[in-house]
Every structure is written in C-alpha cells, then in structure tokens.
Amino acid sequence: MQIYFICAFDMDRFRRFVLSDNFKATYDLEESIYEVLVNEDISLKQFGNRFMK
C-alpha cells in the first residue's frame, strides 16, 4: 500500500524511487524513458499508473 500512496500523492518521492539504482537494477527500461520521467510530471504520473497495474 505504501508504494501506491507514494505513486499517487508524492511525485517527488516516486521520482526518486524510479531513478534509484535498485529500481534500475530490477526493471530493465531504456535510458530514454528515465530521461522523460526526470523532466515530465505527467509522464511520471502515467508511468506510475501503469506500474501499479
């Protein structure tokens, strides 16, 4: 439940989570996706919604 609330309500903390080394080691995403998530809040929110599904 904690990750859901972070994803839904604390975008800065969710961004730090997604950009952490542990997340990158666990999930194989292209570097271009990380670049978008760093700069675009809407894309990060959409990614969070897909991540929670």
PDB file of N, CA and C in Angstrom:
ATOM      1  N   MET A   1       0.813  -1.194   0.000  1.00  0.00           N
ATOM      2  CA  MET A   1       0.000   0.000   0.000  1.00  0.00           C
ATOM      3  C   MET A   1       0.860   1.264   0.000  1.00  0.00           C
ATOM      4  N   GLN A   2       2.019   1.190   0.626  1.00  0.00           N
ATOM      5  CA  GLN A   2       2.855   2.381   0.731  1.00  0.00           C
ATOM      6  C   GLN A   2       3.283   2.878  -0.648  1.00  0.00           C
ATOM      7  N   ILE A   3       3.679   1.976  -1.531  1.00  0.00           N
ATOM      8  CA  ILE A   3       4.101   2.400  -2.862  1.00  0.00           C
ATOM      9  C   ILE A   3       2.937   3.019  -3.628  1.00  0.00           C
ATOM     10  N   TYR A   4       1.728   2.546  -3.391  1.00  0.00           N
ATOM     11  CA  TYR A   4       0.556   3.138  -4.048  1.00  0.00           C
ATOM     12  C   TYR A   4       0.399   4.595  -3.640  1.00  0.00           C
ATOM     13  N   PHE A   5       0.485   4.887  -2.353  1.00  0.00           N
ATOM     14  CA  PHE A   5       0.323   6.256  -1.877  1.00  0.00           C
ATOM     15  C   PHE A   5       1.463   7.157  -2.350  1.00  0.00           C
ATOM     16  N   ILE A   6       2.660   6.612  -2.395  1.00  0.00           N
ATOM     17  CA  ILE A   6       3.785   7.390  -2.917  1.00  0.00           C
ATOM     18  C   ILE A   6       3.546   7.724  -4.386  1.00  0.00           C
ATOM     19  N   CYS A   7       3.136   6.739  -5.138  1.00  0.00           N
ATOM     20  CA  CYS A   7       2.878   6.925  -6.564  1.00  0.00           C
ATOM     21  C   CYS A   7       1.739   7.909  -6.799  1.00  0.00           C
ATOM     22  N   ALA A   8       0.713   7.826  -6.004  1.00  0.00           N
ATOM     23  CA  ALA A   8      -0.477   8.645  -6.223  1.00  0.00           C
ATOM     24  C   ALA A   8      -0.339  10.070  -5.690  1.00  0.00           C
ATOM     25  N   PHE A   9       0.402  10.257  -4.606  1.00  0.00           N
ATOM     26  CA  PHE A   9       0.352  11.548  -3.923  1.00  0.00           C
ATOM     27  C   PHE A   9       1.700  12.241  -3.717  1.00  0.00           C
ATOM     28  N   ASP A  10       2.806  11.547  -3.851  1.00  0.00           N
ATOM     29  CA  ASP A  10       4.120  12.141  -3.587  1.00  0.00           C
ATOM     30  C   ASP A  10       5.022  11.931  -4.802  1.00  0.00           C
ATOM     31  N   MET A  11       4.840  12.776  -5.806  1.00  0.00           N
ATOM     32  CA  MET A  11       5.540  12.601  -7.079  1.00  0.00           C
ATOM     33  C   MET A  11       7.053  12.743  -6.935  1.00  0.00           C
ATOM     34  N   ASP A  12       7.515  13.623  -6.078  1.00  0.00           N
ATOM     35  CA  ASP A  12       8.959  13.794  -5.906  1.00  0.00           C
ATOM     36  C   ASP A  12       9.599  12.520  -5.335  1.00  0.00           C
ATOM     37  N   ARG A  13       8.952  11.947  -4.363  1.00  0.00           N
ATOM     38  CA  ARG A  13       9.474  10.714  -3.759  1.00  0.00           C
ATOM     39  C   ARG A  13       9.384   9.553  -4.746  1.00  0.00           C
ATOM     40  N   PHE A  14       8.293   9.480  -5.520  1.00  0.00           N
ATOM     41  CA  PHE A  14       8.159   8.437  -6.530  1.00  0.00           C
ATOM     42  C   PHE A  14       9.239   8.594  -7.602  1.00  0.00           C
ATOM     43  N   ARG A  15       9.531   9.834  -7.983  1.00  0.00           N
ATOM     44  CA  ARG A  15      10.589  10.086  -8.977  1.00  0.00           C
ATOM     45  C   ARG A  15      11.932   9.592  -8.440  1.00  0.00           C
ATOM     46  N   ARG A  16      12.243   9.883  -7.176  1.00  0.00           N
ATOM     47  CA  ARG A  16      13.494   9.402  -6.580  1.00  0.00           C
ATOM     48  C   ARG A  16      13.530   7.878  -6.552  1.00  0.00           C
ATOM     49  N   PHE A  17      12.382   7.254  -6.254  1.00  0.00           N
ATOM     50  CA  PHE A  17      12.284   5.797  -6.239  1.00  0.00           C
ATOM     51  C   PHE A  17      12.568   5.212  -7.618  1.00  0.00           C
ATOM     52  N   VAL A  18      11.951   5.780  -8.644  1.00  0.00           N
ATOM     53  CA  VAL A  18      12.114   5.271 -10.009  1.00  0.00           C
ATOM     54  C   VAL A  18      13.547   5.464 -10.503  1.00  0.00           C
ATOM     55  N   LEU A  19      14.182   6.540 -10.092  1.00  0.00           N
ATOM     56  CA  LEU A  19      15.531   6.827 -10.552  1.00  0.00           C
ATOM     57  C   LEU A  19      16.616   6.196  -9.683  1.00  0.00           C
ATOM     58  N   SER A  20      16.220   5.470  -8.656  1.00  0.00           N
ATOM     59  CA  SER A  20      17.204   4.842  -7.772  1.00  0.00           C
ATOM     60  C   SER A  20      17.916   3.693  -8.481  1.00  0.00           C
ATOM     61  N   ASP A  21      19.110   3.399  -8.008  1.00  0.00           N
ATOM     62  CA  ASP A  21      19.893   2.308  -8.593  1.00  0.00           C
ATOM     63  C   ASP A  21      19.201   0.962  -8.424  1.00  0.00           C
ATOM     64  N   ASN A  22      18.536   0.754  -7.296  1.00  0.00           N
ATOM     65  CA  ASN A  22      17.845  -0.513  -7.066  1.00  0.00           C
ATOM     66  C   ASN A  22      16.703  -0.721  -8.062  1.00  0.00           C
ATOM     67  N   PHE A  23      15.941   0.341  -8.349  1.00  0.00           N
ATOM     68  CA  PHE A  23      14.858   0.237  -9.317  1.00  0.00           C
ATOM     69  C   PHE A  23      15.426  -0.075 -10.697  1.00  0.00           C
ATOM     70  N   LYS A  24      16.479   0.631 -11.073  1.00  0.00           N
ATOM     71  CA  LYS A  24      17.093   0.410 -12.390  1.00  0.00           C
ATOM     72  C   LYS A  24      17.662  -0.999 -12.513  1.00  0.00           C
ATOM     73  N   ALA A  25      18.167  -1.548 -11.411  1.00  0.00           N
ATOM     74  CA  ALA A  25      18.697  -2.911 -11.445  1.00  0.00           C
ATOM     75  C   ALA A  25      17.586  -3.948 -11.548  1.00  0.00           C
ATOM     76  N   THR A  26      16.417  -3.623 -11.020  1.00  0.00           N
ATOM     77  CA  THR A  26      15.305  -4.569 -11.016  1.00  0.00           C
ATOM     78  C   THR A  26      14.513  -4.534 -12.314  1.00  0.00           C
ATOM     79  N   TYR A  27      14.272  -3.333 -12.840  1.00  0.00           N
ATOM     80  CA  TYR A  27      13.438  -3.157 -14.033  1.00  0.00           C
ATOM     81  C   TYR A  27      14.292  -2.672 -15.188  1.00  0.00           C
ATOM     82  N   ASP A  28      14.218  -3.386 -16.283  1.00  0.00           N
ATOM     83  CA  ASP A  28      15.027  -3.087 -17.463  1.00  0.00           C
ATOM     84  C   ASP A  28      14.277  -2.121 -18.377  1.00  0.00           C
ATOM     85  N   LEU A  29      14.509  -0.823 -18.175  1.00  0.00           N
ATOM     86  CA  LEU A  29      13.897   0.202 -19.010  1.00  0.00           C
ATOM     87  C   LEU A  29      14.980   0.920 -19.801  1.00  0.00           C
ATOM     88  N   GLU A  30      14.594   1.453 -20.947  1.00  0.00           N
ATOM     89  CA  GLU A  30      15.541   2.197 -21.759  1.00  0.00           C
ATOM     90  C   GLU A  30      15.906   3.510 -21.068  1.00  0.00           C
ATOM     91  N   GLU A  31      17.113   3.964 -21.311  1.00  0.00           N
ATOM     92  CA  GLU A  31      17.588   5.208 -20.698  1.00  0.00           C
ATOM     93  C   GLU A  31      16.741   6.400 -21.123  1.00  0.00           C
ATOM     94  N   SER A  32      16.191   6.358 -22.326  1.00  0.00           N
ATOM     95  CA  SER A  32      15.356   7.465 -22.800  1.00  0.00           C
ATOM     96  C   SER A  32      14.086   7.601 -21.963  1.00  0.00           C
ATOM     97  N   ILE A  33      13.577   6.491 -21.446  1.00  0.00           N
ATOM     98  CA  ILE A  33      12.391   6.532 -20.585  1.00  0.00           C
ATOM     99  C   ILE A  33      12.726   7.253 -19.285  1.00  0.00           C
ATOM    100  N   TYR A  34      13.889   6.955 -18.719  1.00  0.00           N
ATOM    101  CA  TYR A  34      14.301   7.631 -17.485  1.00  0.00           C
ATOM    102  C   TYR A  34      14.460   9.132 -17.713  1.00  0.00           C
ATOM    103  N   GLU A  35      14.981   9.524 -18.862  1.00  0.00           N
ATOM    104  CA  GLU A  35      15.145  10.947 -19.169  1.00  0.00           C
ATOM    105  C   GLU A  35      13.797  11.659 -19.197  1.00  0.00           C
ATOM    106  N   VAL A  36      12.787  11.019 -19.756  1.00  0.00           N
ATOM    107  CA  VAL A  36      11.451  11.610 -19.800  1.00  0.00           C
ATOM    108  C   VAL A  36      10.870  11.697 -18.392  1.00  0.00           C
ATOM    109  N   LEU A  37      11.040  10.650 -17.596  1.00  0.00           N
ATOM    110  CA  LEU A  37      10.481  10.635 -16.249  1.00  0.00           C
ATOM    111  C   LEU A  37      11.110  11.688 -15.343  1.00  0.00           C
ATOM    112  N   VAL A  38      12.348  12.038 -15.607  1.00  0.00           N
ATOM    113  CA  VAL A  38      13.019  13.067 -14.816  1.00  0.00           C
ATOM    114  C   VAL A  38      12.383  14.429 -15.065  1.00  0.00           C
ATOM    115  N   ASN A  39      11.991  14.688 -16.293  1.00  0.00           N
ATOM    116  CA  ASN A  39      11.588  16.042 -16.690  1.00  0.00           C
ATOM    117  C   ASN A  39      10.090  16.279 -16.784  1.00  0.00           C
ATOM    118  N   GLU A  40       9.288  15.248 -16.924  1.00  0.00           N
ATOM    119  CA  GLU A  40       7.873  15.441 -17.197  1.00  0.00           C
ATOM    120  C   GLU A  40       6.997  14.791 -16.122  1.00  0.00           C
ATOM    121  N   ASP A  41       6.290  15.620 -15.366  1.00  0.00           N
ATOM    122  CA  ASP A  41       5.431  15.132 -14.293  1.00  0.00           C
ATOM    123  C   ASP A  41       4.277  14.284 -14.823  1.00  0.00           C
ATOM    124  N   ILE A  42       3.698  14.687 -15.928  1.00  0.00           N
ATOM    125  CA  ILE A  42       2.559  13.938 -16.485  1.00  0.00           C
ATOM    126  C   ILE A  42       3.009  12.547 -16.915  1.00  0.00           C
ATOM    127  N   SER A  43       4.165  12.461 -17.544  1.00  0.00           N
ATOM    128  CA  SER A  43       4.688  11.152 -17.957  1.00  0.00           C
ATOM    129  C   SER A  43       5.000  10.280 -16.746  1.00  0.00           C
ATOM    130  N   LEU A  44       5.516  10.901 -15.694  1.00  0.00           N
ATOM    131  CA  LEU A  44       5.797  10.152 -14.466  1.00  0.00           C
ATOM    132  C   LEU A  44       4.505   9.623 -13.855  1.00  0.00           C
ATOM    133  N   LYS A  45       3.462  10.442 -13.846  1.00  0.00           N
ATOM    134  CA  LYS A  45       2.162  10.014 -13.308  1.00  0.00           C
ATOM    135  C   LYS A  45       1.590   8.872 -14.140  1.00  0.00           C
ATOM    136  N   GLN A  46       1.683   8.959 -15.457  1.00  0.00           N
ATOM    137  CA  GLN A  46       1.203   7.892 -16.326  1.00  0.00           C
ATOM    138  C   GLN A  46       2.004   6.615 -16.118  1.00  0.00           C
ATOM    139  N   PHE A  47       3.314   6.760 -15.968  1.00  0.00           N
ATOM    140  CA  PHE A  47       4.160   5.606 -15.694  1.00  0.00           C
ATOM    141  C   PHE A  47       3.765   4.970 -14.361  1.00  0.00           C
ATOM    142  N   GLY A  48       3.494   5.798 -13.357  1.00  0.00           N
ATOM    143  CA  GLY A  48       3.069   5.279 -12.055  1.00  0.00           C
ATOM    144  C   GLY A  48       1.783   4.502 -12.139  1.00  0.00           C
ATOM    145  N   ASN A  49       0.855   4.980 -12.937  1.00  0.00           N
ATOM    146  CA  ASN A  49      -0.415   4.258 -13.122  1.00  0.00           C
ATOM    147  C   ASN A  49      -0.185   2.904 -13.778  1.00  0.00           C
ATOM    148  N   ARG A  50       0.654   2.873 -14.788  1.00  0.00           N
ATOM    149  CA  ARG A  50       0.965   1.580 -15.452  1.00  0.00           C
ATOM    150  C   ARG A  50       1.737   0.671 -14.498  1.00  0.00           C
ATOM    151  N   PHE A  51       2.647   1.247 -13.724  1.00  0.00           N
ATOM    152  CA  PHE A  51       3.447   0.475 -12.786  1.00  0.00           C
ATOM    153  C   PHE A  51       2.558  -0.187 -11.730  1.00  0.00           C
ATOM    154  N   MET A  52       1.534   0.511 -11.278  1.00  0.00           N
ATOM    155  CA  MET A  52       0.660  -0.035 -10.242  1.00  0.00           C
ATOM    156  C   MET A  52      -0.266  -1.131 -10.774  1.00  0.00           C
ATOM    157  N   LYS A  53      -0.542  -1.115 -12.061  1.00  0.00           N
ATOM    158  CA  LYS A  53      -1.407  -2.166 -12.630  1.00  0.00           C
ATOM    159  C   LYS A  53      -0.653  -3.456 -12.637  1.00  0.00           C
TER     160      LYS A  53
END
